[in-house]
Protein backbone atom coordinates (compact mmCIF):
# COMPACT_ATOMS: atom_id res chain seq x y z
CA MET A 1 0.00 0.00 0.00
CA ALA A 2 1.25 3.46 -0.85
CA ALA A 3 2.69 5.38 2.10
CA THR A 4 1.09 8.64 1.00
CA THR A 5 -2.60 7.88 1.37
CA HIS A 6 -3.47 11.37 2.46
CA THR A 7 -2.07 14.82 3.08
CA VAL A 8 -2.12 16.27 6.57
CA THR A 9 -3.70 19.73 6.51
CA ASN A 10 -5.71 21.97 8.81
CA GLN A 11 -4.03 20.63 11.93
CA VAL A 12 -3.17 23.07 14.69
CA PRO A 13 0.54 23.51 15.56
CA PRO A 14 1.45 22.77 19.18
CA LEU A 15 1.34 25.66 21.63
CA VAL A 16 5.06 25.76 22.44
CA GLY A 17 7.88 28.25 22.17
CA TYR A 18 6.02 31.04 23.91
CA ASP A 19 6.28 33.01 27.14
CA VAL A 20 3.57 31.66 29.47
CA PHE A 21 3.90 34.70 31.73
CA SER A 22 4.03 37.56 29.25
CA ALA A 23 1.26 36.07 27.10
CA ASP A 24 -1.15 36.17 30.05
CA ARG A 25 -2.37 39.75 30.24
CA ALA A 26 -4.47 39.23 33.35
CA LEU A 27 -1.41 37.85 35.12
CA THR A 28 1.09 40.46 33.94
CA GLU A 29 -1.27 43.32 34.76
CA GLY A 30 -1.88 41.84 38.19
CA VAL A 31 1.84 41.71 38.92
CA GLU A 32 2.24 45.31 37.75
CA ARG A 33 -0.66 46.32 39.98
CA HIS A 34 0.46 44.61 43.17
CA VAL A 35 4.27 44.72 43.06
CA ALA A 36 5.95 47.97 44.06
CA ALA A 37 7.58 49.90 41.22
CA ALA A 38 11.04 49.53 42.76
CA LEU A 39 10.74 45.73 42.55
CA LEU A 40 8.85 45.46 39.28
CA ASP A 41 11.80 45.16 36.91
CA GLU A 42 13.39 42.42 38.97
CA ALA A 43 10.13 40.53 39.42
CA GLY A 44 9.21 40.92 35.76
CA ALA A 45 12.56 39.62 34.56
CA GLU A 46 12.34 36.67 36.94
CA LEU A 47 8.81 35.75 35.83
CA THR A 48 9.56 36.26 32.15
CA ALA A 49 12.49 33.85 32.35
CA LEU A 50 10.25 31.33 34.09
CA GLY A 51 7.49 31.90 31.53
CA ARG A 52 9.79 31.30 28.59
CA SER A 53 11.06 28.11 30.15
CA ALA A 54 7.54 26.93 30.95
CA GLY A 55 6.42 27.51 27.38
CA SER A 56 9.36 25.73 25.80
CA ALA A 57 8.98 22.43 23.97
CA GLU A 58 11.58 20.89 26.30
CA LEU A 59 9.68 21.67 29.50
CA GLN A 60 6.35 20.68 28.03
CA LEU A 61 7.87 17.31 27.14
CA LEU A 62 9.20 16.91 30.68
CA GLY A 63 5.70 17.55 31.99
CA THR A 64 4.32 14.84 29.73
CA LEU A 65 7.02 12.37 30.74
CA ALA A 66 6.51 13.00 34.47
CA ASN A 67 2.79 12.38 34.05
CA GLU A 68 3.24 9.25 31.91
CA ASN A 69 5.81 7.69 34.26
CA PRO A 70 4.31 7.85 37.75
CA PRO A 71 6.38 7.18 40.89
CA ARG A 72 7.04 3.66 42.13
CA LEU A 73 7.25 2.48 45.71
CA ARG A 74 10.17 0.35 46.92
CA THR A 75 9.43 -0.93 50.40
CA HIS A 76 12.60 -3.09 50.67
CA ASP A 77 16.04 -3.24 49.16
CA ARG A 78 17.47 -6.36 47.48
CA TYR A 79 18.63 -7.74 50.82
CA GLY A 80 15.27 -7.44 52.53
CA ASN A 81 15.98 -4.27 54.49
CA ARG A 82 13.02 -1.93 54.85
CA VAL A 83 13.79 1.30 52.94
CA ASP A 84 10.38 2.82 52.08
CA GLU A 85 11.63 4.83 49.13
CA VAL A 86 9.79 6.28 46.16
CA ASP A 87 11.45 6.30 42.77
CA PHE A 88 10.60 9.06 40.31
CA HIS A 89 11.22 9.50 36.62
CA PRO A 90 14.13 11.89 35.89
CA ALA A 91 11.63 14.36 34.42
CA TRP A 92 10.12 14.82 37.89
CA HIS A 93 13.47 15.73 39.39
CA GLN A 94 14.27 18.13 36.56
CA LEU A 95 10.97 19.93 36.96
CA LEU A 96 11.10 20.08 40.74
CA GLY A 97 14.72 21.18 40.68
CA GLN A 98 13.98 24.09 38.37
CA ALA A 99 10.93 25.08 40.39
CA VAL A 100 12.92 25.21 43.63
CA ALA A 101 15.73 27.11 41.91
CA SER A 102 13.15 29.61 40.65
CA GLY A 103 12.05 30.47 44.20
CA LEU A 104 8.69 28.70 44.26
CA THR A 105 9.23 27.67 47.89
CA ASP A 106 10.48 31.10 48.93
CA ALA A 107 7.91 33.76 49.82
CA TRP A 108 8.15 34.59 53.49
CA GLY A 109 11.39 36.53 53.62
CA ARG A 110 11.58 38.65 50.46
CA PRO A 111 9.69 41.82 49.44
CA ALA A 112 6.49 41.06 47.51
CA GLY A 113 7.43 37.43 48.02
CA HIS A 114 3.91 36.05 48.07
CA MET A 115 2.87 37.88 44.93
CA ARG A 116 6.00 36.90 43.03
CA ARG A 117 5.72 33.30 44.15
CA ALA A 118 1.98 33.07 43.36
CA ALA A 119 2.58 34.46 39.86
CA GLY A 120 5.42 31.99 39.37
CA LEU A 121 3.33 29.10 40.62
CA LEU A 122 0.52 30.08 38.25
CA VAL A 123 3.01 29.92 35.39
CA TRP A 124 4.68 26.71 36.55
CA GLY A 125 1.41 24.90 37.19
CA GLN A 126 0.77 25.05 33.45
CA VAL A 127 3.76 22.80 32.79
CA GLU A 128 2.88 19.95 35.14
CA ALA A 129 0.70 20.34 38.20
CA GLY A 130 1.88 17.35 40.21
CA ASN A 131 5.21 18.84 41.27
CA THR A 132 3.44 21.89 42.71
CA CYS A 133 2.25 19.76 45.65
CA PRO A 134 5.62 19.50 47.49
CA LEU A 135 6.36 23.10 46.48
CA SER A 136 3.16 24.21 48.17
CA MET A 137 3.64 22.25 51.37
CA THR A 138 7.27 23.28 51.72
CA HIS A 139 6.26 26.93 51.38
CA ALA A 140 3.32 26.55 53.76
CA ALA A 141 5.27 24.80 56.52
CA VAL A 142 7.12 28.01 57.42
CA PRO A 143 4.36 29.80 59.41
CA ALA A 144 3.55 26.64 61.35
CA LEU A 145 7.17 26.10 62.35
CA ARG A 146 7.48 29.71 63.46
CA VAL A 147 5.32 28.78 66.44
CA GLU A 148 8.53 27.17 67.73
CA PRO A 149 11.35 29.70 67.07
CA ALA A 150 14.10 27.13 67.60
CA LEU A 151 12.61 24.78 65.02
CA ALA A 152 12.04 27.64 62.60
CA ALA A 153 15.65 28.83 62.96
CA ASP A 154 16.87 25.33 62.15
CA TRP A 155 14.54 24.45 59.26
CA GLU A 156 13.40 27.69 57.62
CA PRO A 157 16.66 28.52 55.80
CA ARG A 158 16.53 25.10 54.15
CA LEU A 159 12.81 25.30 53.39
CA THR A 160 13.25 28.60 51.57
CA SER A 161 16.49 27.56 49.89
CA ARG A 162 16.83 27.43 46.11
CA VAL A 163 18.77 24.18 46.27
CA TYR A 164 17.02 20.94 45.38
CA ASP A 165 18.54 17.86 47.00
CA PRO A 166 16.42 14.72 46.59
CA GLU A 167 18.67 12.38 48.59
CA LEU A 168 17.39 10.94 51.85
CA ARG A 169 19.94 12.00 54.46
CA PRO A 170 19.88 14.09 57.65
CA ALA A 171 18.40 17.53 57.05
CA GLY A 172 21.34 19.11 58.86
CA GLU A 173 23.61 17.91 56.06
CA LYS A 174 21.49 19.41 53.29
CA SER A 175 21.29 22.94 51.85
CA GLY A 176 17.67 22.57 50.82
CA VAL A 177 14.76 20.43 52.02
CA LEU A 178 11.16 19.71 51.10
CA PHE A 179 8.22 19.23 53.44
CA GLY A 180 5.07 17.14 53.30
CA MET A 181 1.98 16.87 55.43
CA GLY A 182 0.03 14.09 57.15
CA MET A 183 -3.26 15.14 58.68
CA THR A 184 -6.12 12.88 57.65
CA GLU A 185 -6.81 9.33 58.76
CA LYS A 186 -9.10 6.72 57.26
CA GLN A 187 -11.78 6.98 59.93
CA GLY A 188 -11.99 10.78 59.98
CA GLY A 189 -10.92 12.45 56.75
CA SER A 190 -11.45 16.19 57.18
CA ASP A 191 -12.59 15.59 60.75
CA VAL A 192 -9.04 15.54 62.11
CA ARG A 193 -10.23 15.56 65.72
CA ALA A 194 -11.24 11.93 65.09
CA ASN A 195 -7.56 11.05 64.58
CA THR A 196 -6.33 8.06 66.57
CA THR A 197 -2.55 8.34 66.04
CA ARG A 198 -1.03 8.58 69.52
CA ALA A 199 1.94 10.61 70.71
CA ARG A 200 3.94 9.48 73.75
CA ARG A 201 6.30 11.97 75.33
CA VAL A 202 9.94 10.90 75.61
CA ASP A 203 11.75 11.64 78.86
CA THR A 204 15.09 13.04 77.69
CA GLY A 205 16.14 14.19 81.13
CA THR A 206 16.40 17.79 79.94
CA GLY A 207 12.92 18.85 80.98
CA ALA A 208 12.22 20.26 77.51
CA GLY A 209 9.49 17.71 76.85
CA ASP A 210 9.32 18.35 73.11
CA GLU A 211 10.32 14.86 71.90
CA TYR A 212 7.63 12.25 71.27
CA LEU A 213 7.10 8.82 69.74
CA LEU A 214 4.12 8.49 67.39
CA THR A 215 2.13 5.33 66.69
CA GLY A 216 -0.68 5.22 64.18
CA HIS A 217 -1.42 5.85 60.52
CA LYS A 218 -2.12 8.54 57.94
CA TRP A 219 -4.58 7.80 55.16
CA PHE A 220 -3.21 10.58 52.95
CA CYS A 221 0.40 11.62 53.30
CA SER A 222 1.44 13.77 50.40
CA ALA A 223 4.91 13.59 48.87
CA PRO A 224 6.41 10.87 51.12
CA MET A 225 9.90 11.40 49.64
CA CYS A 226 10.20 14.72 51.51
CA ASP A 227 12.66 15.47 54.30
CA GLY A 228 10.12 16.35 56.95
CA PHE A 229 6.40 16.24 57.64
CA LEU A 230 3.96 18.14 59.77
CA VAL A 231 1.47 15.68 61.23
CA LEU A 232 -1.33 15.68 63.78
CA ALA A 233 -1.51 13.17 66.62
CA GLN A 234 -3.26 12.78 69.96
CA ALA A 235 -0.95 13.78 72.81
CA PRO A 236 -1.93 13.49 76.50
CA ASP A 237 -3.52 16.96 76.41
CA GLY A 238 -5.20 16.57 73.02
CA LEU A 239 -4.60 16.88 69.29
CA THR A 240 -1.12 18.27 68.70
CA CYS A 241 1.12 19.18 65.77
CA PHE A 242 4.44 17.38 65.29
CA LEU A 243 7.44 17.56 63.01
CA VAL A 244 8.46 14.11 61.75
CA PRO A 245 11.88 14.03 60.05
CA ARG A 246 12.34 11.37 57.39
CA VAL A 247 15.94 10.73 58.45
CA LEU A 248 17.18 11.13 62.03
CA PRO A 249 20.19 13.32 62.87
CA ASP A 250 22.42 10.25 63.30
CA GLY A 251 21.68 9.15 59.73
CA THR A 252 19.28 6.31 60.53
CA ARG A 253 15.86 6.19 58.91
CA ASN A 254 12.93 7.25 61.05
CA VAL A 255 10.10 4.71 61.22
CA PHE A 256 8.04 5.87 58.26
CA ARG A 257 6.45 2.86 56.63
CA ILE A 258 4.88 3.57 53.29
CA GLN A 259 2.08 1.05 52.93
CA ARG A 260 1.15 1.94 49.37
CA LEU A 261 0.89 4.81 46.88
CA LYS A 262 -2.57 6.01 45.95
CA ASP A 263 -3.80 5.24 42.44
CA LYS A 264 -5.30 8.63 41.66
CA LEU A 265 -7.52 10.11 38.99
CA GLY A 266 -5.00 12.83 38.20
CA ASN A 267 -1.89 14.45 39.69
CA ARG A 268 -0.20 11.21 38.73
CA SER A 269 3.39 12.42 38.72
CA ASN A 270 3.15 13.17 42.43
CA ALA A 271 3.23 10.46 45.09
CA SER A 272 0.38 10.38 47.59
CA SER A 273 0.70 7.63 50.15
CA GLU A 274 -0.62 5.77 53.15
CA VAL A 275 1.93 5.61 55.95
CA GLU A 276 2.25 3.87 59.30
CA PHE A 277 4.06 5.18 62.37
CA ASP A 278 5.42 2.78 64.99
CA GLU A 279 7.28 4.60 67.76
CA THR A 280 8.24 7.19 65.16
CA TRP A 281 10.39 9.99 66.57
CA ALA A 282 8.93 13.49 66.36
CA ARG A 283 9.30 17.00 67.72
CA ARG A 284 6.30 18.86 69.09
CA VAL A 285 5.31 22.05 67.27
CA GLY A 286 3.25 24.32 69.50
CA ASP A 287 1.51 23.39 72.73
CA GLU A 288 -0.24 20.11 73.32
CA GLY A 289 -3.91 20.26 72.45
CA ARG A 290 -3.34 23.17 70.05
CA GLY A 291 -2.60 21.14 66.95
CA VAL A 292 -5.32 22.57 64.73
CA ARG A 293 -4.50 26.14 65.71
CA THR A 294 -0.80 25.49 65.10
CA ILE A 295 -1.24 24.00 61.66
CA ILE A 296 -4.02 26.34 60.52
CA GLU A 297 -1.59 28.83 59.00
CA MET A 298 -0.15 26.03 56.89
CA VAL A 299 -3.65 25.07 55.82
CA ALA A 300 -4.49 28.66 54.90
CA ALA A 301 -1.36 28.96 52.77
CA THR A 302 -2.02 25.70 50.96
CA ARG A 303 -5.63 26.74 50.37
CA LEU A 304 -4.36 29.84 48.62
CA ASP A 305 -2.17 27.57 46.50
CA CYS A 306 -5.28 25.55 45.62
CA VAL A 307 -6.76 28.76 44.19
CA VAL A 308 -3.56 29.55 42.31
CA GLY A 309 -3.25 25.98 41.06
CA SER A 310 -6.81 25.93 39.76
CA ALA A 311 -6.26 29.30 38.08
CA ALA A 312 -3.18 27.81 36.37
CA VAL A 313 -5.08 24.79 35.05
CA MET A 314 -7.93 27.02 33.87
CA ARG A 315 -5.57 29.43 32.13
CA GLN A 316 -3.73 26.65 30.28
CA SER A 317 -6.97 25.05 29.12
CA VAL A 318 -8.31 28.38 27.86
CA ALA A 319 -5.01 29.19 26.15
CA GLN A 320 -5.15 25.84 24.37
CA ALA A 321 -8.77 26.42 23.29
CA VAL A 322 -8.10 29.92 21.95
CA HIS A 323 -4.92 28.72 20.22
CA HIS A 324 -6.81 25.87 18.57
CA ALA A 325 -9.62 28.13 17.37
CA THR A 326 -7.09 30.57 15.94
CA TYR A 327 -5.55 27.99 13.61
CA ARG A 328 -8.37 25.54 12.95
CA ARG A 329 -10.62 26.09 9.92
CA ALA A 330 -14.17 24.76 9.70
CA PHE A 331 -17.30 25.63 7.73
CA GLY A 332 -15.52 28.07 5.48
CA GLY A 333 -13.33 30.00 7.93
CA GLU A 334 -11.27 30.03 11.13
CA LEU A 335 -13.12 28.94 14.25
CA ILE A 336 -11.98 32.10 16.01
CA ASP A 337 -14.21 34.12 13.66
CA LYS A 338 -17.38 32.10 14.27
CA PRO A 339 -19.79 34.04 16.54
CA LEU A 340 -20.85 31.03 18.59
CA MET A 341 -17.28 29.90 19.16
CA VAL A 342 -16.34 33.46 20.13
CA ASN A 343 -19.11 33.37 22.74
CA VAL A 344 -17.80 30.13 24.21
CA LEU A 345 -14.19 31.30 24.26
CA ALA A 346 -15.11 34.66 25.78
CA ASP A 347 -17.08 32.94 28.52
CA LEU A 348 -14.12 30.68 29.31
CA ALA A 349 -11.75 33.65 29.25
CA LEU A 350 -13.92 35.48 31.79
CA GLU A 351 -13.80 32.54 34.17
CA SER A 352 -10.04 32.29 33.85
CA GLU A 353 -9.37 36.00 34.29
CA ALA A 354 -11.67 36.23 37.30
CA ALA A 355 -9.83 33.33 38.95
CA THR A 356 -6.40 34.82 38.23
CA THR A 357 -7.37 38.28 39.46
CA LEU A 358 -8.77 36.90 42.71
CA ALA A 359 -5.75 34.66 43.34
CA LEU A 360 -3.35 37.57 42.92
CA ARG A 361 -5.41 39.79 45.21
CA LEU A 362 -5.11 37.18 47.95
CA ALA A 363 -1.36 36.87 47.42
CA ALA A 364 -1.01 40.64 47.67
CA ALA A 365 -2.91 40.55 50.96
CA TYR A 366 -0.39 38.05 52.32
CA ASP A 367 2.41 40.44 51.41
CA THR A 368 0.68 43.25 53.27
CA VAL A 369 0.21 41.05 56.34
CA GLN A 370 3.92 40.28 56.21
CA ASP A 371 5.37 43.73 55.48
CA GLY A 372 2.63 46.37 55.46
CA PRO A 373 1.76 49.08 57.99
CA GLU A 374 0.18 47.79 61.18
CA GLY A 375 -3.36 49.00 60.44
CA GLU A 376 -3.28 47.55 56.95
CA ARG A 377 -1.89 44.27 58.28
CA ASP A 378 -4.88 43.84 60.58
CA ARG A 379 -7.37 44.66 57.84
CA GLU A 380 -5.78 42.34 55.30
CA ARG A 381 -5.48 39.54 57.85
CA ALA A 382 -9.21 39.87 58.54
CA PHE A 383 -9.96 40.00 54.80
CA LEU A 384 -8.01 36.78 54.20
CA ARG A 385 -9.91 34.98 56.94
CA LEU A 386 -13.04 35.07 54.76
CA ALA A 387 -11.66 35.58 51.28
CA VAL A 388 -9.40 32.50 51.28
CA PRO A 389 -12.13 29.90 51.97
CA VAL A 390 -14.56 31.79 49.71
CA ALA A 391 -12.05 31.75 46.85
CA LYS A 392 -10.95 28.20 47.58
CA TYR A 393 -14.56 27.04 47.38
CA TRP A 394 -15.53 28.84 44.19
CA VAL A 395 -12.42 28.90 42.01
CA THR A 396 -11.66 25.22 42.54
CA LYS A 397 -15.31 24.38 41.81
CA ARG A 398 -15.23 26.32 38.52
CA CYS A 399 -12.04 24.65 37.33
CA THR A 400 -13.56 21.35 36.17
CA PRO A 401 -16.40 22.73 33.99
CA THR A 402 -14.01 25.29 32.53
CA VAL A 403 -11.48 22.65 31.47
CA ALA A 404 -14.22 20.33 30.17
CA GLU A 405 -15.63 23.08 27.94
CA ALA A 406 -12.17 24.07 26.74
CA LEU A 407 -11.49 20.44 25.84
CA GLU A 408 -14.68 20.39 23.78
CA CYS A 409 -13.42 23.36 21.78
CA LEU A 410 -10.74 21.05 20.39
CA GLY A 411 -13.33 18.47 19.38
CA GLY A 412 -12.09 14.90 19.03
CA ASN A 413 -8.49 16.10 19.10
CA GLY A 414 -9.05 17.35 22.64
CA TYR A 415 -10.18 13.91 23.78
CA VAL A 416 -6.87 12.36 22.74
CA GLU A 417 -4.08 12.13 25.30
CA GLU A 418 -1.51 13.71 22.97
CA SER A 419 -3.39 17.02 23.13
CA GLY A 420 -2.67 17.36 26.86
CA MET A 421 -6.30 18.25 27.55
CA PRO A 422 -7.23 14.93 29.23
CA ARG A 423 -4.38 15.47 31.71
CA LEU A 424 -5.75 18.92 32.52
CA LEU A 425 -9.26 17.52 32.93
CA ARG A 426 -8.08 14.81 35.33
CA GLU A 427 -6.17 17.42 37.31
CA ALA A 428 -9.08 19.84 37.49
CA PRO A 429 -11.06 18.34 40.44
CA LEU A 430 -8.07 17.92 42.74
CA ASN A 431 -7.95 21.33 44.36
CA SER A 432 -11.64 21.24 45.24
CA ILE A 433 -10.88 18.18 47.42
CA TRP A 434 -7.40 18.92 48.76
CA GLU A 435 -7.24 20.96 51.99
CA GLY A 436 -10.95 20.64 52.61
CA SER A 437 -13.77 19.90 50.18
CA GLY A 438 -16.51 22.35 49.23
CA ASN A 439 -18.60 21.70 52.32
CA VAL A 440 -15.59 22.19 54.60
CA GLN A 441 -14.88 25.57 52.98
CA ALA A 442 -18.51 26.66 53.20
CA LEU A 443 -18.69 25.73 56.88
CA ASP A 444 -15.43 27.57 57.51
CA VAL A 445 -16.96 30.69 55.97
CA LEU A 446 -19.98 30.36 58.28
CA ARG A 447 -17.68 29.93 61.26
CA ALA A 448 -15.84 33.13 60.40
CA LEU A 449 -19.10 35.04 59.85
CA GLN A 450 -20.42 33.98 63.24
CA ARG A 451 -17.24 34.40 65.29
CA GLU A 452 -15.13 37.06 63.60
CA PRO A 453 -17.07 40.23 62.72
CA ALA A 454 -13.85 41.98 61.64
CA ALA A 455 -13.54 39.47 58.79
CA LEU A 456 -16.94 40.36 57.37
CA ASN A 457 -16.24 44.06 57.76
CA ALA A 458 -12.97 43.72 55.84
CA PHE A 459 -14.64 41.64 53.13
CA LEU A 460 -17.45 44.16 52.66
CA GLN A 461 -14.98 47.05 52.61
CA GLU A 462 -13.09 45.34 49.79
CA VAL A 463 -16.25 44.68 47.80
CA GLY A 464 -17.50 48.19 48.47
CA LEU A 465 -14.51 49.79 46.76
CA ALA A 466 -16.31 49.25 43.44
CA ARG A 467 -19.72 50.49 44.52
CA GLY A 468 -21.37 52.83 42.06
CA ALA A 469 -19.30 51.61 39.11
CA ASP A 470 -21.79 49.01 37.82
CA HIS A 471 -25.49 48.78 38.65
CA ARG A 472 -25.49 44.97 38.46
CA LEU A 473 -22.68 44.75 40.97
CA ASP A 474 -24.47 47.22 43.24
CA ARG A 475 -27.62 45.12 43.15
CA ALA A 476 -25.66 41.93 43.83
CA ILE A 477 -24.00 43.55 46.86
CA LYS A 478 -27.42 44.63 48.17
CA ASP A 479 -28.80 41.13 47.75
CA LEU A 480 -25.77 39.67 49.52
CA LEU A 481 -26.22 42.03 52.47
CA THR A 482 -29.83 40.95 52.73
CA GLU A 483 -28.82 37.32 52.88
CA LEU A 484 -26.08 38.00 55.42
CA ALA A 485 -28.53 39.82 57.69
CA ASP A 486 -30.10 36.54 58.79
CA LEU A 487 -27.79 33.60 59.42
CA THR A 488 -30.48 31.49 61.10
CA GLY A 489 -30.54 28.04 59.53
CA ILE A 490 -27.83 29.15 57.13
CA GLU A 491 -25.94 25.85 56.95
CA ALA A 492 -28.27 24.24 54.42
CA ARG A 493 -27.83 27.20 52.05
CA ALA A 494 -24.18 27.85 52.83
CA ARG A 495 -22.93 26.88 49.39
CA ARG A 496 -25.22 29.36 47.70
CA LEU A 497 -24.12 32.10 50.09
CA VAL A 498 -20.41 31.41 49.51
CA GLU A 499 -20.95 31.34 45.74
CA ARG A 500 -22.57 34.77 45.89
CA MET A 501 -19.75 36.11 48.04
CA ALA A 502 -17.19 34.83 45.53
CA LEU A 503 -18.99 36.28 42.51
CA VAL A 504 -19.46 39.66 44.17
CA LEU A 505 -15.78 39.74 45.15
CA GLN A 506 -14.65 38.76 41.65
CA GLY A 507 -17.03 41.30 40.14
CA SER A 508 -15.67 44.05 42.37
CA LEU A 509 -12.07 43.25 41.44
CA LEU A 510 -12.80 43.13 37.70
CA VAL A 511 -14.82 46.35 37.73
CA ARG A 512 -11.90 48.10 39.39
CA TRP A 513 -9.03 46.59 37.43
CA ALA A 514 -10.06 44.75 34.24
CA PRO A 515 -10.79 46.36 30.86
CA PRO A 516 -14.40 47.57 30.49
CA GLU A 517 -15.36 44.77 28.09
CA VAL A 518 -14.24 42.13 30.60
CA ALA A 519 -15.97 43.73 33.58
CA ASP A 520 -19.13 44.37 31.56
CA ALA A 521 -19.36 40.78 30.37
CA PHE A 522 -18.71 39.39 33.85
CA CYS A 523 -21.31 41.56 35.54
CA ALA A 524 -23.90 40.96 32.81
CA SER A 525 -23.56 37.19 33.07
CA ARG A 526 -22.45 36.27 36.59
CA LEU A 527 -24.21 39.09 38.45
CA GLY A 528 -26.90 40.35 36.06
CA GLY A 529 -28.60 37.04 35.47
CA ASP A 530 -28.22 37.13 31.67
CA TRP A 531 -26.35 33.84 31.54
CA GLY A 532 -27.38 30.30 30.67
CA SER A 533 -26.52 27.02 32.33
CA ALA A 534 -23.59 26.33 30.00
CA PHE A 535 -20.60 28.26 28.71
CA GLY A 536 -21.22 30.22 25.53
CA THR A 537 -24.43 31.94 26.59
CA LEU A 538 -23.16 35.49 27.07
CA PRO A 539 -25.31 38.37 25.78
CA HIS A 540 -24.51 38.74 22.09
CA THR A 541 -24.45 42.53 22.32
CA LEU A 542 -21.21 42.53 24.34
CA ASP A 543 -17.74 43.06 22.91
CA LEU A 544 -16.86 39.39 23.07
CA ALA A 545 -14.15 39.46 20.40
CA SER A 546 -12.05 41.80 22.56
CA VAL A 547 -12.43 39.48 25.53
CA VAL A 548 -11.16 36.55 23.46
CA ASP A 549 -8.32 38.55 21.96
CA ARG A 550 -7.15 39.45 25.45
CA ALA A 551 -6.90 35.73 26.32
CA ARG A 552 -4.95 34.82 23.19
CA PRO A 553 -1.55 33.20 23.90
CA GLU A 554 1.26 34.52 21.76
CA ALA A 555 2.98 31.52 20.21
């Protein structure tokens, strides 16, 4: 049979060889808005270099290889010794090494650190999302360890280091370390107070009382190849936070038995495990009985990363859809010129830009809490108390339908693994589950509303900055205030309340900062009620072509 049975035409070139950062106007404008002018050149150069690397064919291939070659557990060596090691494909190490070298675990000690890191994570998450898990936990461990200044002084320089060292050896011998987390157990899940892992204090004769032996299990322990873990266990005075090193100072392995790796829907390059502790040595972090309060700052930081991670997946899926429509011809012309396709793409672009804008606003608030004037610190801290769970709930929920619709824009090509879209779709639900599912976030919002009036005041002040700029936003704010006025029996309608809070907050941010066509389309659809049950139902009178053009990646 002849080898040339057909000619390949009308196929879209791969979206590679572009700057992921600079091509994202919502992201670049957000960085310009929130980073001080004196730091902007440095931050921009740093993010541009990362964006060019992330958009390169080489890095995109590494992302594919890391996903296609998931980690493997080795419980024993050839001689029968228990080793509990996880082997990764070289692509994983290359990606994680570059991410660490790019400062994606370093936010707490540098000016505008949270904003610069969040922007970098949003770029990097578009290469391969699995390696962002240990990056996130390593970053988030810092505020929890600061509860114990001695522990923080020992570990923080290595946690924020730009050196990636994957070898299992004592942390004191390493220039850089990674951290994981073990909170949930099989009988409790998000209800960590149901944990049964026990902590027995070790009498060292010094009177310090901060050394313990842990016995129990963790149903989900993320990134078990890390150097240290923050875990929760029941001490004599209640649930307590502990630091479990993977290797002890004398070079021996701590008892950290990896029972199995989870076979997950997505996030396949990353190892999630079940582990058993049996007289496992640990250091107490914070007071006994204060485990949840100690680790809550870590949880808040990782929840912000869930928002950023979802925004990254959404942005990449929308970029792929717009890129495809730009080059693909059908029914006599390019898809990008078809009115119905423009409506779909514009709707997707709105969802992506709203998620990015909200994620960056939260990162900027963290920077203010860290370095801002005292009055502003208090206000932003209160704002984050509500805004983080609100954003975590809504943005992570919107990720999956956004990616699914973007995949459909590619037709049958999008359903094929080689397009990369199935990997994005499998990744999309993760952040809605990790660090508390939707119900957990909604209940956390209710808890803050009932116990922390300063949080609601700060949230409403933020939303109110856009009052008078759009009548649909004004009406949505009024309706929200009406609903907030009566919290009796609110739990059953908590999801609807949190959704409204998220949409009003996103609408306020876009009205203040996005181009008029973006803000107009968002308010008309998400707040004005002129929106159907599926993407692609925006009012046809809007300037949808400009919205799509703004989301176009520059290949």
